[in-house]
Amino acid sequence: VESGGGLVQAGGSLRLSCAASENIFSLNAMGWYR
């Protein structure tokens, strides 16, 4: 489940978050795509 998106002006900052339902160590990798 992602969160943190929005509208921002050029030069600004945002922080996206993703909550995983399982222990991250059980995964091979995680990432962001757009």
PDB file of all heavy atoms in Angstrom:
ATOM      1  N   VAL A   1       0.849  -1.192   0.000  1.00  0.00           N
ATOM      2  CA  VAL A   1       0.000   0.000   0.000  1.00  0.00           C
ATOM      3  C   VAL A   1       0.885   1.242   0.000  1.00  0.00           C
ATOM      4  O   VAL A   1       1.651   1.462   0.941  1.00  0.00           O
ATOM      5  CB  VAL A   1      -0.931   0.029   1.225  1.00  0.00           C
ATOM      6  CG1 VAL A   1      -1.790   1.288   1.193  1.00  0.00           C
ATOM      7  CG2 VAL A   1      -1.816  -1.214   1.259  1.00  0.00           C
ATOM      8  N   GLU A   2       0.752   2.034  -1.069  1.00  0.00           N
ATOM      9  CA  GLU A   2       1.541   3.256  -1.197  1.00  0.00           C
ATOM     10  C   GLU A   2       0.809   4.457  -0.597  1.00  0.00           C
ATOM     11  O   GLU A   2      -0.425   4.473  -0.529  1.00  0.00           O
ATOM     12  CB  GLU A   2       1.827   3.575  -2.672  1.00  0.00           C
ATOM     13  CG  GLU A   2       2.517   2.480  -3.450  1.00  0.00           C
ATOM     14  CD  GLU A   2       1.559   1.635  -4.259  1.00  0.00           C
ATOM     15  OE1 GLU A   2       0.374   1.561  -3.881  1.00  0.00           O
ATOM     16  OE2 GLU A   2       1.993   1.045  -5.273  1.00  0.00           O
ATOM     17  N   SER A   3       1.592   5.453  -0.222  1.00  0.00           N
ATOM     18  CA  SER A   3       1.054   6.731   0.232  1.00  0.00           C
ATOM     19  C   SER A   3       2.101   7.804   0.016  1.00  0.00           C
ATOM     20  O   SER A   3       3.281   7.492  -0.217  1.00  0.00           O
ATOM     21  CB  SER A   3       0.640   6.675   1.705  1.00  0.00           C
ATOM     22  OG  SER A   3       1.750   6.382   2.519  1.00  0.00           O
ATOM     23  N   GLY A   4       1.672   9.059   0.085  1.00  0.00           N
ATOM     24  CA  GLY A   4       2.615  10.171   0.044  1.00  0.00           C
ATOM     25  C   GLY A   4       2.666  10.945  -1.254  1.00  0.00           C
ATOM     26  O   GLY A   4       3.403  11.929  -1.353  1.00  0.00           O
ATOM     27  N   GLY A   5       1.906  10.535  -2.256  1.00  0.00           N
ATOM     28  CA  GLY A   5       1.906  11.285  -3.505  1.00  0.00           C
ATOM     29  C   GLY A   5       1.184  12.611  -3.341  1.00  0.00           C
ATOM     30  O   GLY A   5       0.614  12.913  -2.290  1.00  0.00           O
ATOM     31  N   GLY A   6       1.232  13.414  -4.394  1.00  0.00           N
ATOM     32  CA  GLY A   6       0.550  14.701  -4.350  1.00  0.00           C
ATOM     33  C   GLY A   6       1.018  15.617  -5.443  1.00  0.00           C
ATOM     34  O   GLY A   6       1.709  15.198  -6.378  1.00  0.00           O
ATOM     35  N   LEU A   7       0.631  16.880  -5.311  1.00  0.00           N
ATOM     36  CA  LEU A   7       0.996  17.915  -6.266  1.00  0.00           C
ATOM     37  C   LEU A   7       2.088  18.784  -5.655  1.00  0.00           C
ATOM     38  O   LEU A   7       1.958  19.247  -4.513  1.00  0.00           O
ATOM     39  CB  LEU A   7      -0.233  18.770  -6.597  1.00  0.00           C
ATOM     40  CG  LEU A   7      -0.006  20.015  -7.458  1.00  0.00           C
ATOM     41  CD1 LEU A   7       0.488  19.623  -8.840  1.00  0.00           C
ATOM     42  CD2 LEU A   7      -1.298  20.827  -7.540  1.00  0.00           C
ATOM     43  N   VAL A   8       3.150  19.009  -6.407  1.00  0.00           N
ATOM     44  CA  VAL A   8       4.273  19.799  -5.918  1.00  0.00           C
ATOM     45  C   VAL A   8       4.843  20.621  -7.070  1.00  0.00           C
ATOM     46  O   VAL A   8       4.754  20.206  -8.236  1.00  0.00           O
ATOM     47  CB  VAL A   8       5.352  18.883  -5.298  1.00  0.00           C
ATOM     48  CG1 VAL A   8       5.963  17.974  -6.346  1.00  0.00           C
ATOM     49  CG2 VAL A   8       6.412  19.678  -4.577  1.00  0.00           C
ATOM     50  N   GLN A   9       5.402  21.772  -6.741  1.00  0.00           N
ATOM     51  CA  GLN A   9       6.034  22.592  -7.773  1.00  0.00           C
ATOM     52  C   GLN A   9       7.414  22.049  -8.114  1.00  0.00           C
ATOM     53  O   GLN A   9       8.062  21.383  -7.288  1.00  0.00           O
ATOM     54  CB  GLN A   9       6.161  24.030  -7.288  1.00  0.00           C
ATOM     55  CG  GLN A   9       4.836  24.777  -7.220  1.00  0.00           C
ATOM     56  CD  GLN A   9       5.027  26.251  -6.932  1.00  0.00           C
ATOM     57  OE1 GLN A   9       6.002  26.645  -6.307  1.00  0.00           O
ATOM     58  NE2 GLN A   9       4.074  27.069  -7.380  1.00  0.00           N
ATOM     59  N   ALA A  10       7.862  22.343  -9.310  1.00  0.00           N
ATOM     60  CA  ALA A  10       9.204  21.937  -9.733  1.00  0.00           C
ATOM     61  C   ALA A  10      10.232  22.456  -8.725  1.00  0.00           C
ATOM     62  O   ALA A  10      10.142  23.597  -8.255  1.00  0.00           O
ATOM     63  CB  ALA A  10       9.499  22.484 -11.120  1.00  0.00           C
ATOM     64  N   GLY A  11      11.182  21.594  -8.393  1.00  0.00           N
ATOM     65  CA  GLY A  11      12.185  21.923  -7.400  1.00  0.00           C
ATOM     66  C   GLY A  11      11.826  21.478  -6.004  1.00  0.00           C
ATOM     67  O   GLY A  11      12.674  21.511  -5.105  1.00  0.00           O
ATOM     68  N   GLY A  12      10.587  21.075  -5.811  1.00  0.00           N
ATOM     69  CA  GLY A  12      10.112  20.643  -4.514  1.00  0.00           C
ATOM     70  C   GLY A  12      10.456  19.200  -4.197  1.00  0.00           C
ATOM     71  O   GLY A  12      11.156  18.532  -4.979  1.00  0.00           O
ATOM     72  N   SER A  13       9.951  18.736  -3.051  1.00  0.00           N
ATOM     73  CA  SER A  13      10.246  17.387  -2.574  1.00  0.00           C
ATOM     74  C   SER A  13       8.978  16.666  -2.152  1.00  0.00           C
ATOM     75  O   SER A  13       7.994  17.293  -1.753  1.00  0.00           O
ATOM     76  CB  SER A  13      11.200  17.445  -1.364  1.00  0.00           C
ATOM     77  OG  SER A  13      12.437  18.026  -1.714  1.00  0.00           O
ATOM     78  N   LEU A  14       9.017  15.363  -2.273  1.00  0.00           N
ATOM     79  CA  LEU A  14       7.969  14.481  -1.753  1.00  0.00           C
ATOM     80  C   LEU A  14       8.631  13.224  -1.220  1.00  0.00           C
ATOM     81  O   LEU A  14       9.704  12.827  -1.694  1.00  0.00           O
ATOM     82  CB  LEU A  14       6.980  14.090  -2.852  1.00  0.00           C
ATOM     83  CG  LEU A  14       5.906  15.082  -3.272  1.00  0.00           C
ATOM     84  CD1 LEU A  14       5.131  14.520  -4.468  1.00  0.00           C
ATOM     85  CD2 LEU A  14       4.967  15.408  -2.138  1.00  0.00           C
ATOM     86  N   ARG A  15       7.956  12.590  -0.261  1.00  0.00           N
ATOM     87  CA  ARG A  15       8.411  11.307   0.257  1.00  0.00           C
ATOM     88  C   ARG A  15       7.285  10.295   0.110  1.00  0.00           C
ATOM     89  O   ARG A  15       6.215  10.477   0.686  1.00  0.00           O
ATOM     90  CB  ARG A  15       8.804  11.417   1.720  1.00  0.00           C
ATOM     91  CG  ARG A  15       9.478  10.157   2.270  1.00  0.00           C
ATOM     92  CD  ARG A  15       9.549  10.202   3.766  1.00  0.00           C
ATOM     93  NE  ARG A  15      10.464   9.211   4.321  1.00  0.00           N
ATOM     94  CZ  ARG A  15      10.370   8.728   5.549  1.00  0.00           C
ATOM     95  NH1 ARG A  15       9.392   9.130   6.346  1.00  0.00           N
ATOM     96  NH2 ARG A  15      11.250   7.845   6.000  1.00  0.00           N
ATOM     97  N   LEU A  16       7.552   9.268  -0.673  1.00  0.00           N
ATOM     98  CA  LEU A  16       6.593   8.190  -0.844  1.00  0.00           C
ATOM     99  C   LEU A  16       6.867   7.077   0.161  1.00  0.00           C
ATOM    100  O   LEU A  16       8.030   6.796   0.489  1.00  0.00           O
ATOM    101  CB  LEU A  16       6.666   7.620  -2.261  1.00  0.00           C
ATOM    102  CG  LEU A  16       6.477   8.613  -3.409  1.00  0.00           C
ATOM    103  CD1 LEU A  16       6.490   7.857  -4.744  1.00  0.00           C
ATOM    104  CD2 LEU A  16       5.219   9.414  -3.247  1.00  0.00           C
ATOM    105  N   SER A  17       5.795   6.441   0.619  1.00  0.00           N
ATOM    106  CA  SER A  17       5.908   5.320   1.541  1.00  0.00           C
ATOM    107  C   SER A  17       5.156   4.121   0.986  1.00  0.00           C
ATOM    108  O   SER A  17       4.154   4.288   0.280  1.00  0.00           O
ATOM    109  CB  SER A  17       5.319   5.686   2.904  1.00  0.00           C
ATOM    110  OG  SER A  17       5.979   6.794   3.479  1.00  0.00           O
ATOM    111  N   CYS A  18       5.635   2.948   1.323  1.00  0.00           N
ATOM    112  CA  CYS A  18       4.968   1.708   0.917  1.00  0.00           C
ATOM    113  C   CYS A  18       4.998   0.756   2.099  1.00  0.00           C
ATOM    114  O   CYS A  18       6.078   0.404   2.593  1.00  0.00           O
ATOM    115  CB  CYS A  18       5.674   1.092  -0.287  1.00  0.00           C
ATOM    116  SG  CYS A  18       5.057  -0.557  -0.743  1.00  0.00           S
ATOM    117  N   ALA A  19       3.804   0.342   2.538  1.00  0.00           N
ATOM    118  CA  ALA A  19       3.686  -0.608   3.631  1.00  0.00           C
ATOM    119  C   ALA A  19       3.526  -2.014   3.064  1.00  0.00           C
ATOM    120  O   ALA A  19       2.617  -2.258   2.255  1.00  0.00           O
ATOM    121  CB  ALA A  19       2.483  -0.249   4.501  1.00  0.00           C
ATOM    122  N   ALA A  20       4.392  -2.919   3.492  1.00  0.00           N
ATOM    123  CA  ALA A  20       4.346  -4.307   3.040  1.00  0.00           C
ATOM    124  C   ALA A  20       3.675  -5.163   4.102  1.00  0.00           C
ATOM    125  O   ALA A  20       3.859  -4.939   5.301  1.00  0.00           O
ATOM    126  CB  ALA A  20       5.753  -4.819   2.772  1.00  0.00           C
ATOM    127  N   SER A  21       2.923  -6.175   3.639  1.00  0.00           N
ATOM    128  CA  SER A  21       2.177  -7.034   4.568  1.00  0.00           C
ATOM    129  C   SER A  21       3.042  -8.126   5.179  1.00  0.00           C
ATOM    130  O   SER A  21       2.607  -8.810   6.099  1.00  0.00           O
ATOM    131  CB  SER A  21       0.982  -7.670   3.850  1.00  0.00           C
ATOM    132  OG  SER A  21       1.430  -8.498   2.787  1.00  0.00           O
ATOM    133  N   GLU A  22       4.278  -8.292   4.649  1.00  0.00           N
ATOM    134  CA  GLU A  22       5.144  -9.347   5.142  1.00  0.00           C
ATOM    135  C   GLU A  22       6.522  -8.813   5.478  1.00  0.00           C
ATOM    136  O   GLU A  22       6.898  -7.715   5.048  1.00  0.00           O
ATOM    137  CB  GLU A  22       5.239 -10.469   4.105  1.00  0.00           C
ATOM    138  CG  GLU A  22       3.894 -11.112   3.821  1.00  0.00           C
ATOM    139  CD  GLU A  22       4.007 -12.362   2.983  1.00  0.00           C
ATOM    140  OE1 GLU A  22       5.094 -12.950   2.928  1.00  0.00           O
ATOM    141  OE2 GLU A  22       2.995 -12.757   2.372  1.00  0.00           O
ATOM    142  N   ASN A  23       7.277  -9.627   6.199  1.00  0.00           N
ATOM    143  CA  ASN A  23       8.630  -9.259   6.591  1.00  0.00           C
ATOM    144  C   ASN A  23       9.495  -9.032   5.362  1.00  0.00           C
ATOM    145  O   ASN A  23       9.553  -9.875   4.458  1.00  0.00           O
ATOM    146  CB  ASN A  23       9.233 -10.381   7.442  1.00  0.00           C
ATOM    147  CG  ASN A  23      10.522  -9.961   8.123  1.00  0.00           C
ATOM    148  OD1 ASN A  23      11.423  -9.426   7.469  1.00  0.00           O
ATOM    149  ND2 ASN A  23      10.607 -10.191   9.401  1.00  0.00           N
ATOM    150  N   ILE A  24      10.143  -7.873   5.327  1.00  0.00           N
ATOM    151  CA  ILE A  24      10.951  -7.500   4.160  1.00  0.00           C
ATOM    152  C   ILE A  24      12.057  -8.512   3.902  1.00  0.00           C
ATOM    153  O   ILE A  24      12.450  -8.750   2.757  1.00  0.00           O
ATOM    154  CB  ILE A  24      11.498  -6.077   4.353  1.00  0.00           C
ATOM    155  CG1 ILE A  24      10.367  -5.061   4.208  1.00  0.00           C
ATOM    156  CG2 ILE A  24      12.633  -5.780   3.403  1.00  0.00           C
ATOM    157  CD1 ILE A  24      10.775  -3.645   4.469  1.00  0.00           C
ATOM    158  N   PHE A  25      12.566  -9.157   4.934  1.00  0.00           N
ATOM    159  CA  PHE A  25      13.642 -10.128   4.753  1.00  0.00           C
ATOM    160  C   PHE A  25      13.169 -11.379   4.020  1.00  0.00           C
ATOM    161  O   PHE A  25      14.000 -12.180   3.577  1.00  0.00           O
ATOM    162  CB  PHE A  25      14.273 -10.497   6.092  1.00  0.00           C
ATOM    163  CG  PHE A  25      15.202  -9.447   6.619  1.00  0.00           C
ATOM    164  CD1 PHE A  25      14.881  -8.703   7.740  1.00  0.00           C
ATOM    165  CD2 PHE A  25      16.418  -9.185   5.987  1.00  0.00           C
ATOM    166  CE1 PHE A  25      15.723  -7.723   8.217  1.00  0.00           C
ATOM    167  CE2 PHE A  25      17.280  -8.206   6.465  1.00  0.00           C
ATOM    168  CZ  PHE A  25      16.930  -7.475   7.587  1.00  0.00           C
ATOM    169  N   SER A  26      11.854 -11.554   3.884  1.00  0.00           N
ATOM    170  CA  SER A  26      11.321 -12.679   3.112  1.00  0.00           C
ATOM    171  C   SER A  26      11.297 -12.371   1.616  1.00  0.00           C
ATOM    172  O   SER A  26      10.974 -13.246   0.811  1.00  0.00           O
ATOM    173  CB  SER A  26       9.908 -13.023   3.580  1.00  0.00           C
ATOM    174  OG  SER A  26       8.970 -12.054   3.120  1.00  0.00           O
ATOM    175  N   LEU A  27      11.634 -11.137   1.248  1.00  0.00           N
ATOM    176  CA  LEU A  27      11.583 -10.703  -0.143  1.00  0.00           C
ATOM    177  C   LEU A  27      12.974 -10.669  -0.758  1.00  0.00           C
ATOM    178  O   LEU A  27      13.966 -10.477  -0.058  1.00  0.00           O
ATOM    179  CB  LEU A  27      10.961  -9.307  -0.215  1.00  0.00           C
ATOM    180  CG  LEU A  27       9.585  -9.157   0.430  1.00  0.00           C
ATOM    181  CD1 LEU A  27       9.180  -7.696   0.469  1.00  0.00           C
ATOM    182  CD2 LEU A  27       8.554  -9.988  -0.306  1.00  0.00           C
ATOM    183  N   ASN A  28      13.041 -10.824  -2.073  1.00  0.00           N
ATOM    184  CA  ASN A  28      14.315 -10.732  -2.779  1.00  0.00           C
ATOM    185  C   ASN A  28      14.719  -9.272  -3.024  1.00  0.00           C
ATOM    186  O   ASN A  28      15.898  -8.926  -3.010  1.00  0.00           O
ATOM    187  CB  ASN A  28      14.236 -11.462  -4.118  1.00  0.00           C
ATOM    188  CG  ASN A  28      13.974 -12.932  -3.944  1.00  0.00           C
ATOM    189  OD1 ASN A  28      12.957 -13.454  -4.382  1.00  0.00           O
ATOM    190  ND2 ASN A  28      14.893 -13.638  -3.274  1.00  0.00           N
ATOM    191  N   ALA A  29      13.726  -8.448  -3.258  1.00  0.00           N
ATOM    192  CA  ALA A  29      13.987  -7.028  -3.516  1.00  0.00           C
ATOM    193  C   ALA A  29      12.673  -6.264  -3.467  1.00  0.00           C
ATOM    194  O   ALA A  29      11.590  -6.855  -3.597  1.00  0.00           O
ATOM    195  CB  ALA A  29      14.652  -6.818  -4.871  1.00  0.00           C
ATOM    196  N   MET A  30      12.783  -4.962  -3.272  1.00  0.00           N
ATOM    197  CA  MET A  30      11.638  -4.072  -3.392  1.00  0.00           C
ATOM    198  C   MET A  30      12.052  -2.888  -4.268  1.00  0.00           C
ATOM    199  O   MET A  30      13.239  -2.607  -4.436  1.00  0.00           O
ATOM    200  CB  MET A  30      11.172  -3.573  -2.027  1.00  0.00           C
ATOM    201  CG  MET A  30      10.640  -4.660  -1.136  1.00  0.00           C
ATOM    202  SD  MET A  30       9.871  -3.999   0.358  1.00  0.00           S
ATOM    203  CE  MET A  30       8.303  -3.381  -0.317  1.00  0.00           C
ATOM    204  N   GLY A  31      11.048  -2.211  -4.794  1.00  0.00           N
ATOM    205  CA  GLY A  31      11.394  -1.082  -5.652  1.00  0.00           C
ATOM    206  C   GLY A  31      10.224  -0.167  -5.934  1.00  0.00           C
ATOM    207  O   GLY A  31       9.084  -0.440  -5.535  1.00  0.00           O
ATOM    208  N   TRP A  32      10.537   0.904  -6.603  1.00  0.00           N
ATOM    209  CA  TRP A  32       9.555   1.870  -7.084  1.00  0.00           C
ATOM    210  C   TRP A  32       9.623   1.936  -8.595  1.00  0.00           C
ATOM    211  O   TRP A  32      10.718   1.998  -9.176  1.00  0.00           O
ATOM    212  CB  TRP A  32       9.825   3.255  -6.504  1.00  0.00           C
ATOM    213  CG  TRP A  32       9.578   3.353  -5.035  1.00  0.00           C
ATOM    214  CD1 TRP A  32      10.504   3.260  -4.039  1.00  0.00           C
ATOM    215  CD2 TRP A  32       8.315   3.580  -4.403  1.00  0.00           C
ATOM    216  NE1 TRP A  32       9.891   3.397  -2.814  1.00  0.00           N
ATOM    217  CE2 TRP A  32       8.555   3.605  -3.013  1.00  0.00           C
ATOM    218  CE3 TRP A  32       7.018   3.776  -4.864  1.00  0.00           C
ATOM    219  CZ2 TRP A  32       7.526   3.804  -2.086  1.00  0.00           C
ATOM    220  CZ3 TRP A  32       6.005   3.972  -3.956  1.00  0.00           C
ATOM    221  CH2 TRP A  32       6.260   3.992  -2.567  1.00  0.00           C
ATOM    222  N   TYR A  33       8.459   1.934  -9.202  1.00  0.00           N
ATOM    223  CA  TYR A  33       8.320   2.114 -10.632  1.00  0.00           C
ATOM    224  C   TYR A  33       7.340   3.259 -10.866  1.00  0.00           C
ATOM    225  O   TYR A  33       6.562   3.605  -9.964  1.00  0.00           O
ATOM    226  CB  TYR A  33       7.778   0.836 -11.290  1.00  0.00           C
ATOM    227  CG  TYR A  33       8.752  -0.310 -11.290  1.00  0.00           C
ATOM    228  CD1 TYR A  33       9.093  -0.983 -10.124  1.00  0.00           C
ATOM    229  CD2 TYR A  33       9.348  -0.740 -12.484  1.00  0.00           C
ATOM    230  CE1 TYR A  33      10.005  -2.025 -10.121  1.00  0.00           C
ATOM    231  CE2 TYR A  33      10.250  -1.797 -12.501  1.00  0.00           C
ATOM    232  CZ  TYR A  33      10.566  -2.436 -11.321  1.00  0.00           C
ATOM    233  OH  TYR A  33      11.463  -3.468 -11.333  1.00  0.00           O
ATOM    234  N   ARG A  34       7.372   3.835 -12.037  1.00  0.00           N
ATOM    235  CA  ARG A  34       6.422   4.899 -12.348  1.00  0.00           C
ATOM    236  C   ARG A  34       5.921   4.758 -13.772  1.00  0.00           C
ATOM    237  O   ARG A  34       6.584   4.190 -14.633  1.00  0.00           O
ATOM    238  CB  ARG A  34       7.052   6.280 -12.153  1.00  0.00           C
ATOM    239  CG  ARG A  34       8.179   6.606 -13.123  1.00  0.00           C
ATOM    240  CD  ARG A  34       8.848   7.926 -12.731  1.00  0.00           C
ATOM    241  NE  ARG A  34       9.968   8.231 -13.626  1.00  0.00           N
ATOM    242  CZ  ARG A  34      10.848   9.200 -13.394  1.00  0.00           C
ATOM    243  NH1 ARG A  34      10.723   9.976 -12.298  1.00  0.00           N
ATOM    244  NH2 ARG A  34      11.835   9.433 -14.241  1.00  0.00           N
TER     245      ARG A  34
END
